[in-house]
Amino acid sequence: MLTHAMHGVTELGSPAFLISLGAILCWRLAARGRMRAAIVVAVAVLGAEAFDGVLKLILKRPRPEAFFGFAEPLSYSFPSGHSVESCCFYGVMAAILAANVRSHARKAAIWTTAGLLAAAIGFSRVYLGVHYPTDVLGGFAAGIVWAGLVRAGYQLWLHGARRAARVRTDSRHG
């Protein structure tokens, strides 16, 4: 019973699920006129997948033997892609959801939910025997690094947009 539950939890961090959910989220954000947020989600999701793949190819750590008769994934073990991608995806989603929330308690609840979800996904990967604990911790570290890079890029993008708007305003009034 617990094994089936862990398999369900692990699917919440699978690339297929997160890319599909990310596409739906991008579509909804774009439909609401939040094009920048949609682009940030796309960059976060697709970039996390690519970042994980590059790290796996560089580090080439073999996987442990999977428990419970599950098929062993064909990719390398370090870092845990589910951990990289769920940390990044749910973290960016929390940032977007919390951005317009005034209540500190609601913001804390959003961030806590995102963190617990990513932690549960990471735990499921170790429980199912397809990753070592260090793979998951490394995945979370890589996810935080990627999310930080996405955030920094977003801040630079906003700064450039504000500067361009000031230049347009100044040229009209000059």
Protein backbone atom coordinates (compact mmCIF):
# COMPACT_ATOMS: atom_id res chain seq x y z
CA MET A 1 0.00 0.00 0.00
CA LEU A 2 2.73 2.49 1.00
CA THR A 3 4.73 1.49 -2.06
CA HIS A 4 1.83 2.43 -4.35
CA ALA A 5 1.41 5.73 -2.51
CA MET A 6 5.13 6.49 -2.92
CA HIS A 7 4.88 5.66 -6.61
CA GLY A 8 2.02 8.18 -6.88
CA VAL A 9 4.03 10.82 -5.02
CA THR A 10 7.06 10.22 -7.24
CA GLU A 11 4.89 10.82 -10.33
CA LEU A 12 4.18 14.37 -9.07
CA GLY A 13 7.85 15.10 -9.79
CA SER A 14 8.17 13.23 -13.07
CA PRO A 15 9.25 15.22 -16.14
CA ALA A 16 6.10 14.20 -18.05
CA PHE A 17 3.83 15.44 -15.26
CA LEU A 18 5.74 18.66 -14.57
CA ILE A 19 6.14 19.60 -18.23
CA SER A 20 2.42 18.95 -18.82
CA LEU A 21 1.41 20.89 -15.71
CA GLY A 22 3.86 23.63 -16.67
CA ALA A 23 2.32 23.90 -20.15
CA ILE A 24 -1.16 24.23 -18.63
CA LEU A 25 0.09 26.82 -16.15
CA CYS A 26 1.82 28.79 -18.93
CA TRP A 27 -1.35 28.74 -21.00
CA ARG A 28 -3.47 29.96 -18.04
CA LEU A 29 -0.97 32.69 -17.14
CA ALA A 30 -0.76 33.88 -20.76
CA ALA A 31 -4.58 33.87 -21.04
CA ARG A 32 -4.69 36.15 -17.98
CA GLY A 33 -2.19 38.55 -19.53
CA ARG A 34 0.70 37.41 -17.31
CA MET A 35 3.07 36.68 -20.16
CA ARG A 36 6.24 37.29 -18.15
CA ALA A 37 5.15 34.80 -15.49
CA ALA A 38 4.34 32.27 -18.22
CA ILE A 39 7.82 32.69 -19.71
CA VAL A 40 9.43 32.31 -16.28
CA VAL A 41 7.54 29.04 -15.71
CA ALA A 42 8.58 27.71 -19.13
CA VAL A 43 12.22 28.63 -18.57
CA ALA A 44 12.17 27.15 -15.05
CA VAL A 45 10.61 23.84 -16.12
CA LEU A 46 12.47 23.24 -19.37
CA GLY A 47 15.72 24.64 -18.01
CA ALA A 48 15.58 22.41 -14.92
CA GLU A 49 15.12 19.38 -17.16
CA ALA A 50 18.10 20.40 -19.32
CA PHE A 51 20.26 21.31 -16.29
CA ASP A 52 19.57 17.90 -14.74
CA GLY A 53 20.47 16.13 -17.97
CA VAL A 54 23.76 17.98 -18.30
CA LEU A 55 24.71 17.27 -14.68
CA LYS A 56 23.89 13.56 -15.09
CA LEU A 57 26.07 13.33 -18.22
CA ILE A 58 28.97 15.07 -16.53
CA LEU A 59 28.84 13.14 -13.24
CA LYS A 60 27.69 9.70 -14.52
CA ARG A 61 26.88 8.20 -11.12
CA PRO A 62 25.39 4.69 -11.39
CA ARG A 63 22.00 4.07 -9.79
CA PRO A 64 21.28 1.79 -6.87
CA GLU A 65 19.25 -1.35 -7.54
CA ALA A 66 15.58 -0.39 -7.53
CA PHE A 67 13.40 -1.86 -4.78
CA PHE A 68 9.96 -3.42 -5.05
CA GLY A 69 10.50 -4.78 -8.56
CA PHE A 70 10.19 -1.41 -10.30
CA ALA A 71 12.08 -1.00 -13.53
CA GLU A 72 15.37 0.75 -13.03
CA PRO A 73 15.50 4.13 -14.80
CA LEU A 74 17.93 4.24 -17.72
CA SER A 75 19.57 7.54 -16.81
CA TYR A 76 22.32 8.19 -14.29
CA SER A 77 21.60 8.67 -10.62
CA PHE A 78 23.12 12.04 -9.63
CA PRO A 79 21.38 14.38 -9.27
CA SER A 80 17.81 13.18 -8.82
CA GLY A 81 15.95 14.75 -11.73
CA HIS A 82 12.66 14.50 -9.86
CA SER A 83 14.25 16.53 -7.05
CA VAL A 84 15.80 19.15 -9.35
CA GLU A 85 12.62 19.63 -11.34
CA SER A 86 10.12 19.50 -8.47
CA CYS A 87 12.18 21.90 -6.37
CA CYS A 88 12.34 24.31 -9.28
CA PHE A 89 8.77 23.90 -10.52
CA TYR A 90 6.98 24.00 -7.17
CA GLY A 91 9.28 26.76 -5.96
CA VAL A 92 8.56 28.97 -8.99
CA MET A 93 4.86 28.16 -8.71
CA ALA A 94 4.93 29.19 -5.03
CA ALA A 95 6.69 32.44 -5.93
CA ILE A 96 4.04 33.25 -8.54
CA LEU A 97 1.15 32.35 -6.23
CA ALA A 98 2.60 34.20 -3.23
CA ALA A 99 3.52 37.35 -5.19
CA ASN A 100 0.09 38.97 -4.81
CA VAL A 101 -0.83 37.53 -1.42
CA ARG A 102 -0.79 40.04 1.44
CA SER A 103 -1.26 37.66 4.35
CA HIS A 104 2.02 36.39 5.80
CA ALA A 105 0.23 33.24 7.00
CA ARG A 106 -1.04 32.47 3.49
CA LYS A 107 2.39 33.14 1.99
CA ALA A 108 3.93 30.81 4.56
CA ALA A 109 1.31 28.17 3.75
CA ILE A 110 2.05 28.41 0.01
CA TRP A 111 5.81 28.11 0.53
CA THR A 112 5.42 25.33 3.11
CA THR A 113 3.19 23.34 0.77
CA ALA A 114 5.71 23.69 -2.07
CA GLY A 115 8.57 22.64 0.20
CA LEU A 116 6.72 19.66 1.65
CA LEU A 117 5.67 18.51 -1.80
CA ALA A 118 9.25 18.65 -3.11
CA ALA A 119 10.50 16.89 0.05
CA ALA A 120 7.90 14.13 -0.31
CA ILE A 121 8.91 13.60 -3.94
CA GLY A 122 12.57 13.40 -2.95
CA PHE A 123 11.78 10.95 -0.15
CA SER A 124 9.77 8.79 -2.56
CA ARG A 125 12.79 8.47 -4.86
CA VAL A 126 14.93 7.10 -2.02
CA TYR A 127 12.09 4.92 -0.68
CA LEU A 128 11.59 3.33 -4.10
CA GLY A 129 15.32 2.65 -4.29
CA VAL A 130 16.01 4.52 -7.51
CA HIS A 131 18.24 7.15 -5.84
CA TYR A 132 20.66 7.53 -3.00
CA PRO A 133 19.83 10.21 -0.40
CA THR A 134 22.77 12.28 -1.70
CA ASP A 135 21.20 12.23 -5.18
CA VAL A 136 18.08 13.85 -3.75
CA LEU A 137 20.01 16.41 -1.68
CA GLY A 138 22.16 17.22 -4.72
CA GLY A 139 18.98 17.52 -6.78
CA PHE A 140 17.51 20.00 -4.33
CA ALA A 141 20.75 21.99 -4.37
CA ALA A 142 20.77 22.02 -8.19
CA GLY A 143 17.07 23.01 -8.22
CA ILE A 144 17.74 25.90 -5.86
CA VAL A 145 20.67 27.02 -8.01
CA TRP A 146 18.58 26.86 -11.19
CA ALA A 147 15.62 28.65 -9.57
CA GLY A 148 18.05 31.33 -8.32
CA LEU A 149 19.43 31.77 -11.83
CA VAL A 150 15.91 32.04 -13.24
CA ARG A 151 15.05 34.64 -10.58
CA ALA A 152 18.23 36.62 -11.30
CA GLY A 153 17.49 36.53 -15.02
CA TYR A 154 13.94 37.69 -14.35
CA GLN A 155 15.22 40.59 -12.22
CA LEU A 156 17.62 41.63 -15.01
CA TRP A 157 14.77 41.39 -17.51
CA LEU A 158 12.56 43.64 -15.34
CA HIS A 159 15.41 46.10 -14.84
CA GLY A 160 15.98 46.27 -18.61
CA ALA A 161 12.25 46.74 -19.25
CA ARG A 162 12.05 49.56 -16.67
CA ARG A 163 15.13 51.24 -18.13
CA ALA A 164 13.66 51.01 -21.65
CA ALA A 165 10.37 52.48 -20.41
CA ARG A 166 12.23 55.40 -18.78
CA VAL A 167 14.18 56.05 -21.99
CA ARG A 168 10.94 56.09 -24.01
CA THR A 169 9.31 58.43 -21.49
CA ASP A 170 12.35 60.74 -21.39
CA SER A 171 12.59 60.90 -25.18
CA ARG A 172 8.91 61.94 -25.43
CA HIS A 173 9.32 64.69 -22.87
CA GLY A 174 12.77 65.85 -23.97
